[in-house]
Amino acid sequence: MTTDSEDRPTTSNSGMPRWLKRVIMFAILGAVLVIVYFILAAFLPRWWAERIGELADRDFARGITSGLLFGGVCTLVPLLQVLLAVLFRHKRGGRVIAGIAALVALVFALPNLMTLSIVLGGSSAAHAGQRIMDVEAPGFRGASLVGAIIAALVFIGVVVLTIQYRRRGRELAKARAGQ
């Protein structure tokens, strides 16, 4: 008499184990990301400084105005997107809303992140970006910081008002339910 295990032919995996394939895939992905980072780190600060320089056109008023706008908008919108994701996280489709909000926040934060890479960067590209901004976009970096601070303060105000509004709504609901 034969058993079931003897009737079925056994197949062996002749390829690599699944975990090894994943490790190799993540190692290749990591190497590609590092290479892309170094390429972008050498290119983006100069490119961004030149774009801002063209926008400001060596004018203090334009440099300060564009710095305030970029700093404010590119700080406030990402923060509001994060708040939106937090408020809608438990609703139907909350993960989708949170994912879209995170993507929009990242896109809107990119100008501030590129400016920050110029201000805090130690590479030759960051130093070149600083020199370009000093000449082509005077006042942009400082005004961008001021705009970001103002936007952060506005965001804190929005959060406080949102918390008070929601607390008041809960209190009203309890009062109505008690009557």
N, C-alpha and C. Protein backbone atom coordinates (compact mmCIF):
# COMPACT_ATOMS: atom_id res chain seq x y z
N MET A 1 0.83 -1.17 0.00
CA MET A 1 0.00 0.00 0.00
C MET A 1 0.88 1.24 0.00
N THR A 2 0.46 2.21 -0.78
CA THR A 2 1.24 3.45 -0.86
C THR A 2 0.51 4.55 -0.11
N THR A 3 1.27 5.46 0.41
CA THR A 3 0.67 6.60 1.10
C THR A 3 0.58 7.77 0.15
N ASP A 4 -0.16 8.78 0.58
CA ASP A 4 -0.34 9.97 -0.26
C ASP A 4 0.98 10.65 -0.58
N SER A 5 1.89 10.65 0.36
CA SER A 5 3.16 11.35 0.13
C SER A 5 3.99 10.63 -0.92
N GLU A 6 3.82 9.33 -1.06
CA GLU A 6 4.58 8.59 -2.07
C GLU A 6 3.95 8.77 -3.45
N ASP A 7 2.65 9.02 -3.52
CA ASP A 7 1.98 9.16 -4.82
C ASP A 7 2.30 10.48 -5.49
N ARG A 8 2.50 11.52 -4.71
CA ARG A 8 2.76 12.83 -5.30
C ARG A 8 4.25 13.03 -5.47
N PRO A 9 4.62 13.52 -6.61
CA PRO A 9 6.05 13.79 -6.79
C PRO A 9 6.41 15.06 -6.00
N THR A 10 7.58 15.06 -5.43
CA THR A 10 8.02 16.23 -4.69
C THR A 10 8.75 17.16 -5.64
N THR A 11 8.46 18.43 -5.49
CA THR A 11 9.15 19.41 -6.33
C THR A 11 10.12 20.18 -5.45
N SER A 12 11.24 20.48 -5.98
CA SER A 12 12.23 21.23 -5.21
C SER A 12 12.41 22.59 -5.88
N ASN A 13 12.62 23.56 -5.05
CA ASN A 13 12.89 24.91 -5.56
C ASN A 13 14.36 24.96 -5.95
N SER A 14 14.62 25.08 -7.21
CA SER A 14 16.01 25.10 -7.65
C SER A 14 16.58 26.52 -7.61
N GLY A 15 15.73 27.53 -7.46
CA GLY A 15 16.20 28.92 -7.44
C GLY A 15 16.62 29.35 -6.05
N MET A 16 16.89 30.63 -5.94
CA MET A 16 17.29 31.20 -4.66
C MET A 16 16.08 31.27 -3.72
N PRO A 17 16.34 31.25 -2.43
CA PRO A 17 15.23 31.42 -1.48
C PRO A 17 14.60 32.81 -1.63
N ARG A 18 13.36 32.88 -1.26
CA ARG A 18 12.60 34.12 -1.42
C ARG A 18 13.23 35.26 -0.62
N TRP A 19 13.68 34.99 0.59
CA TRP A 19 14.26 36.03 1.43
C TRP A 19 15.54 36.58 0.83
N LEU A 20 16.31 35.72 0.17
CA LEU A 20 17.56 36.17 -0.45
C LEU A 20 17.26 37.08 -1.64
N LYS A 21 16.22 36.75 -2.40
CA LYS A 21 15.83 37.61 -3.51
C LYS A 21 15.42 38.99 -3.00
N ARG A 22 14.69 39.03 -1.88
CA ARG A 22 14.28 40.31 -1.31
C ARG A 22 15.48 41.11 -0.82
N VAL A 23 16.41 40.44 -0.17
CA VAL A 23 17.61 41.14 0.32
C VAL A 23 18.37 41.74 -0.85
N ILE A 24 18.53 40.99 -1.91
CA ILE A 24 19.24 41.48 -3.09
C ILE A 24 18.48 42.65 -3.71
N MET A 25 17.16 42.53 -3.80
CA MET A 25 16.35 43.60 -4.37
C MET A 25 16.49 44.89 -3.55
N PHE A 26 16.42 44.79 -2.22
CA PHE A 26 16.54 45.97 -1.37
C PHE A 26 17.95 46.54 -1.42
N ALA A 27 18.96 45.71 -1.55
CA ALA A 27 20.33 46.20 -1.66
C ALA A 27 20.52 46.98 -2.96
N ILE A 28 19.98 46.47 -4.05
CA ILE A 28 20.06 47.18 -5.33
C ILE A 28 19.29 48.48 -5.26
N LEU A 29 18.09 48.44 -4.69
CA LEU A 29 17.29 49.66 -4.54
C LEU A 29 18.01 50.69 -3.68
N GLY A 30 18.62 50.25 -2.59
CA GLY A 30 19.38 51.15 -1.73
C GLY A 30 20.56 51.78 -2.47
N ALA A 31 21.27 50.98 -3.26
CA ALA A 31 22.40 51.50 -4.02
C ALA A 31 21.95 52.54 -5.05
N VAL A 32 20.84 52.27 -5.71
CA VAL A 32 20.31 53.22 -6.69
C VAL A 32 19.89 54.51 -6.00
N LEU A 33 19.25 54.41 -4.83
CA LEU A 33 18.84 55.62 -4.10
C LEU A 33 20.04 56.44 -3.65
N VAL A 34 21.11 55.79 -3.22
CA VAL A 34 22.32 56.51 -2.81
C VAL A 34 22.93 57.23 -4.00
N ILE A 35 22.99 56.56 -5.14
CA ILE A 35 23.55 57.19 -6.35
C ILE A 35 22.70 58.38 -6.77
N VAL A 36 21.38 58.22 -6.76
CA VAL A 36 20.48 59.32 -7.11
C VAL A 36 20.64 60.48 -6.13
N TYR A 37 20.79 60.17 -4.84
CA TYR A 37 21.00 61.22 -3.85
C TYR A 37 22.24 62.04 -4.16
N PHE A 38 23.36 61.39 -4.44
CA PHE A 38 24.59 62.12 -4.70
C PHE A 38 24.50 62.94 -5.99
N ILE A 39 23.81 62.42 -6.98
CA ILE A 39 23.63 63.19 -8.21
C ILE A 39 22.77 64.42 -7.94
N LEU A 40 21.67 64.24 -7.23
CA LEU A 40 20.79 65.37 -6.92
C LEU A 40 21.44 66.36 -5.96
N ALA A 41 22.25 65.87 -5.02
CA ALA A 41 22.91 66.76 -4.07
C ALA A 41 23.91 67.67 -4.77
N ALA A 42 24.47 67.22 -5.88
CA ALA A 42 25.40 68.05 -6.64
C ALA A 42 24.68 69.00 -7.60
N PHE A 43 23.46 68.69 -7.96
CA PHE A 43 22.74 69.45 -8.98
C PHE A 43 21.69 70.41 -8.41
N LEU A 44 20.86 69.92 -7.49
CA LEU A 44 19.69 70.68 -7.04
C LEU A 44 20.00 72.02 -6.36
N PRO A 45 20.96 72.12 -5.45
CA PRO A 45 21.17 73.43 -4.82
C PRO A 45 21.51 74.54 -5.82
N ARG A 46 22.38 74.26 -6.78
CA ARG A 46 22.71 75.27 -7.81
C ARG A 46 21.48 75.60 -8.65
N TRP A 47 20.78 74.56 -9.07
CA TRP A 47 19.61 74.77 -9.93
C TRP A 47 18.55 75.61 -9.21
N TRP A 48 18.27 75.26 -7.95
CA TRP A 48 17.25 75.98 -7.19
C TRP A 48 17.67 77.43 -6.97
N ALA A 49 18.93 77.65 -6.64
CA ALA A 49 19.41 79.01 -6.43
C ALA A 49 19.29 79.84 -7.72
N GLU A 50 19.57 79.23 -8.85
CA GLU A 50 19.43 79.94 -10.12
C GLU A 50 17.97 80.27 -10.41
N ARG A 51 17.05 79.34 -10.13
CA ARG A 51 15.62 79.63 -10.35
C ARG A 51 15.16 80.78 -9.46
N ILE A 52 15.55 80.77 -8.21
CA ILE A 52 15.16 81.84 -7.29
C ILE A 52 15.83 83.14 -7.71
N GLY A 53 17.07 83.06 -8.17
CA GLY A 53 17.76 84.25 -8.67
C GLY A 53 17.04 84.87 -9.86
N GLU A 54 16.55 84.03 -10.75
CA GLU A 54 15.77 84.54 -11.89
C GLU A 54 14.47 85.17 -11.43
N LEU A 55 13.86 84.59 -10.41
CA LEU A 55 12.60 85.11 -9.89
C LEU A 55 12.81 86.47 -9.21
N ALA A 56 13.86 86.58 -8.43
CA ALA A 56 14.11 87.84 -7.70
C ALA A 56 14.76 88.90 -8.58
N ASP A 57 15.56 88.50 -9.53
CA ASP A 57 16.18 89.41 -10.50
C ASP A 57 16.99 90.50 -9.81
N ARG A 58 17.80 90.13 -8.82
CA ARG A 58 18.71 91.02 -8.10
C ARG A 58 18.00 92.18 -7.39
N ASP A 59 16.75 92.01 -7.05
CA ASP A 59 15.97 93.07 -6.42
C ASP A 59 15.62 92.63 -5.00
N PHE A 60 15.94 93.49 -4.02
CA PHE A 60 15.66 93.16 -2.62
C PHE A 60 14.17 92.94 -2.39
N ALA A 61 13.35 93.81 -2.93
CA ALA A 61 11.90 93.69 -2.71
C ALA A 61 11.37 92.37 -3.27
N ARG A 62 11.81 92.01 -4.46
CA ARG A 62 11.38 90.73 -5.05
C ARG A 62 11.93 89.55 -4.27
N GLY A 63 13.17 89.65 -3.82
CA GLY A 63 13.76 88.56 -3.04
C GLY A 63 13.04 88.35 -1.73
N ILE A 64 12.73 89.46 -1.05
CA ILE A 64 12.03 89.36 0.23
C ILE A 64 10.60 88.88 0.03
N THR A 65 9.91 89.42 -0.96
CA THR A 65 8.52 89.01 -1.22
C THR A 65 8.45 87.54 -1.59
N SER A 66 9.30 87.11 -2.49
CA SER A 66 9.26 85.70 -2.90
C SER A 66 9.69 84.80 -1.74
N GLY A 67 10.62 85.25 -0.91
CA GLY A 67 11.02 84.47 0.26
C GLY A 67 9.88 84.30 1.25
N LEU A 68 9.17 85.41 1.51
CA LEU A 68 8.02 85.33 2.42
C LEU A 68 6.95 84.39 1.87
N LEU A 69 6.68 84.50 0.56
CA LEU A 69 5.64 83.64 -0.04
C LEU A 69 6.05 82.17 -0.03
N PHE A 70 7.27 81.89 -0.48
CA PHE A 70 7.72 80.50 -0.48
C PHE A 70 7.78 79.94 0.93
N GLY A 71 8.37 80.71 1.85
CA GLY A 71 8.49 80.23 3.23
C GLY A 71 7.13 80.00 3.87
N GLY A 72 6.20 80.92 3.65
CA GLY A 72 4.88 80.81 4.26
C GLY A 72 4.03 79.70 3.65
N VAL A 73 3.88 79.75 2.34
CA VAL A 73 3.01 78.78 1.67
C VAL A 73 3.58 77.37 1.77
N CYS A 74 4.88 77.25 1.58
CA CYS A 74 5.50 75.92 1.57
C CYS A 74 5.72 75.36 2.97
N THR A 75 5.34 76.11 3.99
CA THR A 75 5.29 75.58 5.35
C THR A 75 3.85 75.33 5.78
N LEU A 76 2.99 76.30 5.52
CA LEU A 76 1.60 76.19 5.98
C LEU A 76 0.85 75.06 5.28
N VAL A 77 0.98 74.94 3.98
CA VAL A 77 0.23 73.89 3.25
C VAL A 77 0.62 72.49 3.72
N PRO A 78 1.92 72.14 3.85
CA PRO A 78 2.23 70.80 4.36
C PRO A 78 1.71 70.55 5.77
N LEU A 79 1.80 71.57 6.63
CA LEU A 79 1.29 71.39 7.99
C LEU A 79 -0.22 71.18 7.99
N LEU A 80 -0.93 71.92 7.16
CA LEU A 80 -2.39 71.73 7.06
C LEU A 80 -2.74 70.37 6.47
N GLN A 81 -1.91 69.88 5.56
CA GLN A 81 -2.14 68.55 5.00
C GLN A 81 -1.97 67.48 6.07
N VAL A 82 -0.99 67.65 6.93
CA VAL A 82 -0.80 66.70 8.04
C VAL A 82 -2.00 66.76 8.98
N LEU A 83 -2.47 67.96 9.27
CA LEU A 83 -3.66 68.11 10.12
C LEU A 83 -4.87 67.43 9.47
N LEU A 84 -5.02 67.61 8.17
CA LEU A 84 -6.11 66.96 7.44
C LEU A 84 -6.02 65.44 7.56
N ALA A 85 -4.84 64.91 7.41
CA ALA A 85 -4.65 63.46 7.53
C ALA A 85 -5.01 62.97 8.93
N VAL A 86 -4.62 63.73 9.95
CA VAL A 86 -4.93 63.34 11.33
C VAL A 86 -6.43 63.39 11.58
N LEU A 87 -7.10 64.43 11.09
CA LEU A 87 -8.53 64.57 11.33
C LEU A 87 -9.35 63.49 10.62
N PHE A 88 -8.91 63.03 9.46
CA PHE A 88 -9.68 62.08 8.68
C PHE A 88 -9.16 60.65 8.79
N ARG A 89 -8.25 60.37 9.71
CA ARG A 89 -7.63 59.05 9.76
C ARG A 89 -8.62 57.94 10.12
N HIS A 90 -9.68 58.24 10.86
CA HIS A 90 -10.61 57.20 11.27
C HIS A 90 -11.87 57.14 10.41
N LYS A 91 -11.97 57.98 9.44
CA LYS A 91 -13.15 57.98 8.57
C LYS A 91 -12.95 57.00 7.43
N ARG A 92 -14.02 56.74 6.72
CA ARG A 92 -13.96 55.83 5.59
C ARG A 92 -13.02 56.41 4.53
N GLY A 93 -12.10 55.60 4.06
CA GLY A 93 -11.12 56.06 3.08
C GLY A 93 -10.03 56.91 3.70
N GLY A 94 -9.86 56.83 5.00
CA GLY A 94 -8.90 57.65 5.71
C GLY A 94 -7.46 57.40 5.30
N ARG A 95 -7.14 56.16 5.02
CA ARG A 95 -5.77 55.85 4.58
C ARG A 95 -5.47 56.49 3.24
N VAL A 96 -6.45 56.48 2.36
CA VAL A 96 -6.26 57.10 1.05
C VAL A 96 -6.09 58.60 1.21
N ILE A 97 -6.94 59.21 2.02
CA ILE A 97 -6.84 60.65 2.27
C ILE A 97 -5.50 60.97 2.91
N ALA A 98 -5.07 60.18 3.87
CA ALA A 98 -3.79 60.42 4.53
C ALA A 98 -2.63 60.28 3.55
N GLY A 99 -2.69 59.30 2.68
CA GLY A 99 -1.64 59.11 1.69
C GLY A 99 -1.56 60.27 0.70
N ILE A 100 -2.72 60.71 0.23
CA ILE A 100 -2.76 61.84 -0.70
C ILE A 100 -2.28 63.10 0.01
N ALA A 101 -2.70 63.29 1.26
CA ALA A 101 -2.28 64.46 2.03
C ALA A 101 -0.76 64.45 2.23
N ALA A 102 -0.19 63.28 2.50
CA ALA A 102 1.26 63.19 2.68
C ALA A 102 2.00 63.51 1.38
N LEU A 103 1.48 63.04 0.27
CA LEU A 103 2.10 63.33 -1.02
C LEU A 103 2.03 64.82 -1.36
N VAL A 104 0.87 65.44 -1.14
CA VAL A 104 0.72 66.87 -1.38
C VAL A 104 1.63 67.66 -0.44
N ALA A 105 1.72 67.23 0.81
CA ALA A 105 2.60 67.91 1.77
C ALA A 105 4.05 67.85 1.33
N LEU A 106 4.47 66.70 0.85
CA LEU A 106 5.85 66.56 0.38
C LEU A 106 6.13 67.46 -0.82
N VAL A 107 5.20 67.49 -1.77
CA VAL A 107 5.38 68.32 -2.96
C VAL A 107 5.46 69.80 -2.58
N PHE A 108 4.59 70.23 -1.68
CA PHE A 108 4.59 71.64 -1.27
C PHE A 108 5.79 71.98 -0.40
N ALA A 109 6.36 71.01 0.30
CA ALA A 109 7.51 71.28 1.17
C ALA A 109 8.83 71.29 0.40
N LEU A 110 8.85 70.79 -0.82
CA LEU A 110 10.10 70.70 -1.57
C LEU A 110 10.84 72.03 -1.72
N PRO A 111 10.18 73.15 -2.04
CA PRO A 111 10.94 74.40 -2.14
C PRO A 111 11.65 74.78 -0.84
N ASN A 112 10.97 74.62 0.29
CA ASN A 112 11.62 74.92 1.56
C ASN A 112 12.76 73.94 1.84
N LEU A 113 12.58 72.69 1.49
CA LEU A 113 13.64 71.71 1.71
C LEU A 113 14.85 72.00 0.83
N MET A 114 14.60 72.44 -0.40
CA MET A 114 15.73 72.78 -1.27
C MET A 114 16.46 74.03 -0.76
N THR A 115 15.70 75.01 -0.28
CA THR A 115 16.34 76.20 0.30
C THR A 115 17.12 75.82 1.55
N LEU A 116 16.56 74.94 2.36
CA LEU A 116 17.25 74.47 3.56
C LEU A 116 18.53 73.73 3.21
N SER A 117 18.51 72.97 2.12
CA SER A 117 19.73 72.26 1.71
C SER A 117 20.82 73.23 1.30
N ILE A 118 20.45 74.39 0.80
CA ILE A 118 21.43 75.41 0.46
C ILE A 118 21.96 76.08 1.72
N VAL A 119 21.05 76.42 2.63
CA VAL A 119 21.44 77.15 3.85
C VAL A 119 22.29 76.28 4.77
N LEU A 120 21.89 75.03 4.97
CA LEU A 120 22.58 74.16 5.93
C LEU A 120 23.61 73.24 5.28
N GLY A 121 23.59 73.15 3.95
CA GLY A 121 24.47 72.21 3.26
C GLY A 121 25.93 72.61 3.34
N GLY A 122 26.79 71.63 3.37
CA GLY A 122 28.22 71.87 3.43
C GLY A 122 28.93 71.52 2.14
N SER A 123 28.18 71.11 1.13
CA SER A 123 28.80 70.70 -0.12
C SER A 123 29.16 71.93 -0.96
N SER A 124 29.94 71.68 -2.00
CA SER A 124 30.30 72.78 -2.89
C SER A 124 29.08 73.29 -3.63
N ALA A 125 28.12 72.42 -3.90
CA ALA A 125 26.89 72.86 -4.58
C ALA A 125 26.08 73.78 -3.66
N ALA A 126 26.05 73.48 -2.37
CA ALA A 126 25.33 74.34 -1.42
C ALA A 126 26.02 75.69 -1.29
N HIS A 127 27.34 75.68 -1.26
CA HIS A 127 28.07 76.96 -1.18
C HIS A 127 27.88 77.78 -2.45
N ALA A 128 27.85 77.12 -3.59
CA ALA A 128 27.58 77.83 -4.84
C ALA A 128 26.17 78.40 -4.82
N GLY A 129 25.22 77.64 -4.29
CA GLY A 129 23.85 78.12 -4.17
C GLY A 129 23.76 79.33 -3.25
N GLN A 130 24.52 79.32 -2.16
CA GLN A 130 24.54 80.47 -1.25
C GLN A 130 25.07 81.71 -1.96
N ARG A 131 26.13 81.55 -2.70
CA ARG A 131 26.71 82.70 -3.42
C ARG A 131 25.75 83.22 -4.48
N ILE A 132 25.08 82.31 -5.19
CA ILE A 132 24.11 82.73 -6.21
C ILE A 132 22.97 83.49 -5.56
N MET A 133 22.46 82.97 -4.45
CA MET A 133 21.35 83.66 -3.77
C MET A 133 21.78 85.00 -3.19
N ASP A 134 23.01 85.08 -2.70
CA ASP A 134 23.49 86.36 -2.16
C ASP A 134 23.46 87.45 -3.23
N VAL A 135 23.82 87.09 -4.45
CA VAL A 135 23.90 88.08 -5.53
C VAL A 135 22.57 88.22 -6.26
N GLU A 136 21.97 87.11 -6.63
CA GLU A 136 20.79 87.13 -7.50
C GLU A 136 19.47 87.29 -6.75
N ALA A 137 19.41 86.82 -5.50
CA ALA A 137 18.16 86.86 -4.73
C ALA A 137 18.40 87.37 -3.33
N PRO A 138 18.80 88.64 -3.20
CA PRO A 138 19.10 89.15 -1.86
C PRO A 138 17.84 89.17 -0.99
N GLY A 139 18.01 88.74 0.24
CA GLY A 139 16.91 88.74 1.19
C GLY A 139 16.03 87.52 1.15
N PHE A 140 16.22 86.65 0.17
CA PHE A 140 15.32 85.50 0.02
C PHE A 140 15.43 84.54 1.19
N ARG A 141 16.65 84.18 1.57
CA ARG A 141 16.83 83.16 2.61
C ARG A 141 16.26 83.61 3.94
N GLY A 142 16.55 84.82 4.34
CA GLY A 142 16.02 85.32 5.62
C GLY A 142 14.51 85.48 5.59
N ALA A 143 13.98 85.99 4.47
CA ALA A 143 12.54 86.16 4.35
C ALA A 143 11.83 84.81 4.31
N SER A 144 12.49 83.82 3.74
CA SER A 144 11.91 82.48 3.71
C SER A 144 11.77 81.92 5.12
N LEU A 145 12.77 82.16 5.95
CA LEU A 145 12.71 81.74 7.34
C LEU A 145 11.59 82.47 8.09
N VAL A 146 11.48 83.78 7.88
CA VAL A 146 10.43 84.55 8.54
C VAL A 146 9.06 84.06 8.09
N GLY A 147 8.90 83.79 6.79
CA GLY A 147 7.63 83.26 6.28
C GLY A 147 7.29 81.91 6.88
N ALA A 148 8.29 81.06 7.06
CA ALA A 148 8.06 79.75 7.66
C ALA A 148 7.64 79.88 9.12
N ILE A 149 8.26 80.81 9.84
CA ILE A 149 7.89 81.02 11.24
C ILE A 149 6.47 81.55 11.36
N ILE A 150 6.13 82.50 10.51
CA ILE A 150 4.76 83.04 10.52
C ILE A 150 3.76 81.93 10.19
N ALA A 151 4.07 81.11 9.20
CA ALA A 151 3.17 80.01 8.83
C ALA A 151 3.02 79.02 9.97
N ALA A 152 4.11 78.73 10.68
CA ALA A 152 4.03 77.81 11.81
C ALA A 152 3.16 78.38 12.92
N LEU A 153 3.26 79.68 13.17
CA LEU A 153 2.40 80.31 14.18
C LEU A 153 0.93 80.29 13.75
N VAL A 154 0.67 80.53 12.47
CA VAL A 154 -0.70 80.44 11.97
C VAL A 154 -1.23 79.02 12.13
N PHE A 155 -0.39 78.04 11.84
CA PHE A 155 -0.79 76.64 11.98
C PHE A 155 -1.13 76.31 13.43
N ILE A 156 -0.31 76.78 14.35
CA ILE A 156 -0.59 76.55 15.78
C ILE A 156 -1.94 77.15 16.15
N GLY A 157 -2.22 78.34 15.63
CA GLY A 157 -3.53 78.95 15.87
C GLY A 157 -4.67 78.12 15.31
N VAL A 158 -4.48 77.58 14.11
CA VAL A 158 -5.51 76.74 13.49
C VAL A 158 -5.73 75.48 14.32
N VAL A 159 -4.66 74.88 14.80
CA VAL A 159 -4.78 73.67 15.62
C VAL A 159 -5.53 73.97 16.91
N VAL A 160 -5.17 75.08 17.56
CA VAL A 160 -5.85 75.44 18.81
C VAL A 160 -7.34 75.67 18.56
N LEU A 161 -7.66 76.41 17.50
CA LEU A 161 -9.07 76.66 17.18
C LEU A 161 -9.80 75.37 16.82
N THR A 162 -9.14 74.46 16.12
CA THR A 162 -9.75 73.18 15.77
C THR A 162 -10.04 72.36 17.01
N ILE A 163 -9.10 72.32 17.93
CA ILE A 163 -9.30 71.57 19.17
C ILE A 163 -10.45 72.16 19.97
N GLN A 164 -10.50 73.49 20.09
CA GLN A 164 -11.58 74.14 20.82
C GLN A 164 -12.93 73.88 20.14
N TYR A 165 -12.97 73.93 18.81
CA TYR A 165 -14.21 73.69 18.07
C TYR A 165 -14.72 72.27 18.30
N ARG A 166 -13.81 71.31 18.24
CA ARG A 166 -14.22 69.91 18.43
C ARG A 166 -14.66 69.66 19.87
N ARG A 167 -13.96 70.26 20.84
CA ARG A 167 -14.34 70.10 22.24
C ARG A 167 -15.72 70.71 22.48
N ARG A 168 -15.94 71.88 21.92
CA ARG A 168 -17.25 72.54 22.07
C ARG A 168 -18.35 71.70 21.43
N GLY A 169 -18.08 71.09 20.29
CA GLY A 169 -19.07 70.22 19.66
C GLY A 169 -19.41 69.02 20.53
N ARG A 170 -18.40 68.42 21.16
CA ARG A 170 -18.67 67.28 22.06
C ARG A 170 -19.48 67.72 23.27
N GLU A 171 -19.16 68.90 23.81
CA GLU A 171 -19.91 69.40 24.96
C GLU A 171 -21.36 69.68 24.59
N LEU A 172 -21.57 70.26 23.41
CA LEU A 172 -22.93 70.52 22.95
C LEU A 172 -23.70 69.20 22.75
N ALA A 173 -23.05 68.21 22.19
CA ALA A 173 -23.70 66.91 21.97
C ALA A 173 -24.09 66.28 23.31
N LYS A 174 -23.21 66.39 24.31
CA LYS A 174 -23.53 65.84 25.63
C LYS A 174 -24.69 66.60 26.26
N ALA A 175 -24.70 67.92 26.11
CA ALA A 175 -25.77 68.74 26.69
C ALA A 175 -27.10 68.42 26.03
N ARG A 176 -27.10 68.22 24.73
CA ARG A 176 -28.34 67.89 24.03
C ARG A 176 -28.83 66.49 24.38
N ALA A 177 -27.90 65.58 24.56
CA ALA A 177 -28.27 64.20 24.91
C ALA A 177 -28.80 64.14 26.34
N GLY A 178 -28.36 65.01 27.21
CA GLY A 178 -28.79 65.02 28.60
C GLY A 178 -30.19 65.61 28.78
N GLN A 179 -30.66 66.38 27.84
CA GLN A 179 -31.97 67.03 28.00
C GLN A 179 -33.08 66.17 27.50
